[in-house]
């Protein structure tokens, strides 16, 4: 079952809230490690922003989810 766009947006808001809090500390390596080692399947839906300060919904994943493209 694929997540809905609404669910992905809610997940992104929660993730970005944590990443925003971690951004106030010297935590680049922690944020990078979380994305690379813990996101697993979520990496196809989220891409990191500059310096892993936030997550952005992957445009390719959204287009695929909506059936506009097939990859």
N, C-alpha and C. Protein backbone atom coordinates (compact mmCIF):
# COMPACT_ATOMS: atom_id res chain seq x y z
N UNK A 1 0.84 -1.18 0.00
CA UNK A 1 0.00 0.00 0.00
C UNK A 1 0.89 1.24 0.00
N UNK A 2 0.64 2.12 -0.94
CA UNK A 2 1.43 3.35 -1.06
C UNK A 2 0.85 4.43 -0.15
N UNK A 3 1.72 5.24 0.45
CA UNK A 3 1.22 6.34 1.27
C UNK A 3 0.58 7.42 0.41
N UNK A 4 -0.41 8.08 0.96
CA UNK A 4 -1.06 9.18 0.25
C UNK A 4 -0.17 10.42 0.31
N UNK A 5 -0.44 11.36 -0.56
CA UNK A 5 0.32 12.60 -0.56
C UNK A 5 0.11 13.34 0.75
N UNK A 6 -1.10 13.31 1.28
CA UNK A 6 -1.38 13.95 2.57
C UNK A 6 -0.56 13.35 3.70
N UNK A 7 -0.46 12.02 3.72
CA UNK A 7 0.34 11.35 4.75
C UNK A 7 1.81 11.72 4.60
N UNK A 8 2.30 11.75 3.38
CA UNK A 8 3.70 12.13 3.15
C UNK A 8 3.97 13.55 3.61
N UNK A 9 3.03 14.45 3.37
CA UNK A 9 3.19 15.84 3.81
C UNK A 9 3.22 15.92 5.33
N UNK A 10 2.35 15.17 6.00
CA UNK A 10 2.35 15.15 7.46
C UNK A 10 3.66 14.59 8.00
N UNK A 11 4.14 13.52 7.39
CA UNK A 11 5.42 12.93 7.80
C UNK A 11 6.56 13.92 7.62
N UNK A 12 6.54 14.64 6.49
CA UNK A 12 7.58 15.62 6.22
C UNK A 12 7.58 16.73 7.27
N UNK A 13 6.40 17.16 7.70
CA UNK A 13 6.31 18.20 8.73
C UNK A 13 6.91 17.74 10.05
N UNK A 14 6.64 16.50 10.42
CA UNK A 14 7.19 15.96 11.67
C UNK A 14 8.71 15.82 11.57
N UNK A 15 9.17 15.26 10.46
CA UNK A 15 10.62 15.10 10.25
C UNK A 15 11.31 16.45 10.27
N UNK A 16 10.75 17.43 9.58
CA UNK A 16 11.37 18.76 9.52
C UNK A 16 11.35 19.45 10.88
N UNK A 17 10.37 19.15 11.70
CA UNK A 17 10.35 19.70 13.04
C UNK A 17 11.55 19.18 13.85
N UNK A 18 11.80 17.88 13.77
CA UNK A 18 12.97 17.31 14.45
C UNK A 18 14.27 17.84 13.85
N UNK A 19 14.33 17.89 12.52
CA UNK A 19 15.54 18.38 11.88
C UNK A 19 15.79 19.85 12.22
N UNK A 20 14.73 20.63 12.35
CA UNK A 20 14.88 22.02 12.74
C UNK A 20 15.45 22.17 14.14
N UNK A 21 14.98 21.33 15.04
CA UNK A 21 15.50 21.35 16.40
C UNK A 21 16.97 20.94 16.42
N UNK A 22 17.30 19.89 15.66
CA UNK A 22 18.69 19.44 15.61
C UNK A 22 19.58 20.45 14.92
N UNK A 23 19.02 21.30 14.08
CA UNK A 23 19.80 22.30 13.37
C UNK A 23 20.41 23.34 14.28
N UNK A 24 19.89 23.47 15.50
CA UNK A 24 20.43 24.45 16.44
C UNK A 24 21.68 23.93 17.13
N UNK A 25 21.99 22.66 16.92
CA UNK A 25 23.20 22.07 17.49
C UNK A 25 24.14 21.71 16.33
N UNK A 26 25.33 21.36 16.66
CA UNK A 26 26.29 20.92 15.65
C UNK A 26 25.98 19.46 15.32
N UNK A 27 24.98 19.23 14.46
CA UNK A 27 24.48 17.86 14.26
C UNK A 27 24.40 17.44 12.80
N UNK A 28 25.22 18.02 11.94
CA UNK A 28 25.18 17.67 10.52
C UNK A 28 25.36 16.17 10.32
N UNK A 29 26.36 15.59 10.98
CA UNK A 29 26.64 14.17 10.79
C UNK A 29 25.51 13.30 11.31
N UNK A 30 24.86 13.72 12.37
CA UNK A 30 23.71 12.98 12.90
C UNK A 30 22.55 13.03 11.91
N UNK A 31 22.24 14.22 11.41
CA UNK A 31 21.13 14.36 10.45
C UNK A 31 21.41 13.55 9.18
N UNK A 32 22.64 13.61 8.70
CA UNK A 32 23.03 12.85 7.51
C UNK A 32 22.92 11.36 7.77
N UNK A 33 23.41 10.91 8.91
CA UNK A 33 23.36 9.49 9.27
C UNK A 33 21.93 8.99 9.39
N UNK A 34 21.07 9.78 9.98
CA UNK A 34 19.66 9.38 10.11
C UNK A 34 19.07 9.17 8.72
N UNK A 35 19.32 10.10 7.81
CA UNK A 35 18.76 9.97 6.46
C UNK A 35 19.34 8.75 5.74
N UNK A 36 20.65 8.62 5.76
CA UNK A 36 21.29 7.56 4.98
C UNK A 36 21.11 6.17 5.58
N UNK A 37 21.02 6.07 6.90
CA UNK A 37 20.99 4.75 7.55
C UNK A 37 19.64 4.33 8.11
N UNK A 38 18.72 5.26 8.30
CA UNK A 38 17.46 4.92 8.94
C UNK A 38 16.23 5.11 8.06
N UNK A 39 16.32 5.92 7.03
CA UNK A 39 15.14 6.21 6.23
C UNK A 39 14.72 5.05 5.32
N UNK A 40 15.69 4.24 4.89
CA UNK A 40 15.43 3.08 4.03
C UNK A 40 14.42 3.41 2.92
N UNK A 41 13.22 2.89 2.99
CA UNK A 41 12.21 3.08 1.95
C UNK A 41 11.72 4.52 1.82
N UNK A 42 11.85 5.29 2.88
CA UNK A 42 11.40 6.68 2.82
C UNK A 42 12.28 7.52 1.90
N UNK A 43 13.48 7.05 1.58
CA UNK A 43 14.36 7.81 0.70
C UNK A 43 13.78 8.00 -0.69
N UNK A 44 12.86 7.14 -1.10
CA UNK A 44 12.26 7.34 -2.42
C UNK A 44 11.19 8.42 -2.40
N UNK A 45 10.73 8.83 -1.22
CA UNK A 45 9.72 9.87 -1.10
C UNK A 45 10.29 11.21 -0.64
N UNK A 46 11.41 11.19 0.07
CA UNK A 46 12.00 12.41 0.62
C UNK A 46 13.43 12.56 0.15
N UNK A 47 13.80 13.79 -0.18
CA UNK A 47 15.19 14.12 -0.51
C UNK A 47 15.64 15.21 0.46
N UNK A 48 16.91 15.17 0.85
CA UNK A 48 17.39 16.18 1.81
C UNK A 48 17.58 17.53 1.16
N UNK A 49 17.31 18.57 1.95
CA UNK A 49 17.62 19.93 1.52
C UNK A 49 19.09 20.20 1.75
N UNK A 50 19.51 21.43 1.54
CA UNK A 50 20.91 21.81 1.71
C UNK A 50 21.42 21.45 3.10
N UNK A 51 22.53 20.77 3.17
CA UNK A 51 23.19 20.39 4.43
C UNK A 51 22.29 19.58 5.35
N UNK A 52 21.34 18.85 4.78
CA UNK A 52 20.43 18.00 5.56
C UNK A 52 19.68 18.81 6.63
N UNK A 53 19.33 20.06 6.31
CA UNK A 53 18.60 20.88 7.27
C UNK A 53 17.10 20.65 7.23
N UNK A 54 16.61 20.08 6.12
CA UNK A 54 15.18 19.78 6.01
C UNK A 54 14.98 18.70 4.96
N UNK A 55 13.81 18.11 4.96
CA UNK A 55 13.44 17.12 3.96
C UNK A 55 12.42 17.73 3.01
N UNK A 56 12.51 17.36 1.76
CA UNK A 56 11.62 17.84 0.72
C UNK A 56 10.99 16.63 0.06
N UNK A 57 9.71 16.73 -0.26
CA UNK A 57 9.06 15.64 -0.98
C UNK A 57 9.69 15.51 -2.36
N UNK A 58 10.03 14.30 -2.73
CA UNK A 58 10.64 14.04 -4.02
C UNK A 58 9.61 14.26 -5.12
N UNK A 59 9.87 15.18 -6.06
CA UNK A 59 8.90 15.42 -7.14
C UNK A 59 8.68 14.17 -7.99
N UNK A 60 9.71 13.37 -8.19
CA UNK A 60 9.57 12.15 -9.00
C UNK A 60 8.63 11.17 -8.29
N UNK A 61 8.78 11.03 -6.98
CA UNK A 61 7.91 10.12 -6.23
C UNK A 61 6.46 10.57 -6.28
N UNK A 62 6.24 11.89 -6.20
CA UNK A 62 4.87 12.39 -6.25
C UNK A 62 4.24 12.16 -7.62
N UNK A 63 5.02 12.41 -8.68
CA UNK A 63 4.50 12.19 -10.03
C UNK A 63 4.20 10.70 -10.26
N UNK A 64 5.08 9.85 -9.75
CA UNK A 64 4.87 8.41 -9.89
C UNK A 64 3.64 7.99 -9.09
N UNK A 65 3.49 8.54 -7.89
CA UNK A 65 2.37 8.20 -7.02
C UNK A 65 1.04 8.58 -7.67
N UNK A 66 1.02 9.70 -8.39
CA UNK A 66 -0.19 10.16 -9.03
C UNK A 66 -0.41 9.50 -10.38
N UNK A 67 0.50 8.63 -10.81
CA UNK A 67 0.35 7.91 -12.06
C UNK A 67 0.69 8.74 -13.29
N UNK A 68 1.37 9.88 -13.08
CA UNK A 68 1.71 10.74 -14.20
C UNK A 68 2.92 10.17 -14.96
N UNK A 69 3.87 9.57 -14.22
CA UNK A 69 5.01 8.93 -14.85
C UNK A 69 5.14 7.52 -14.29
N UNK A 70 5.79 6.67 -15.03
CA UNK A 70 6.04 5.30 -14.58
C UNK A 70 7.52 5.03 -14.66
N UNK A 71 8.13 4.86 -13.49
CA UNK A 71 9.58 4.59 -13.43
C UNK A 71 9.79 3.23 -12.82
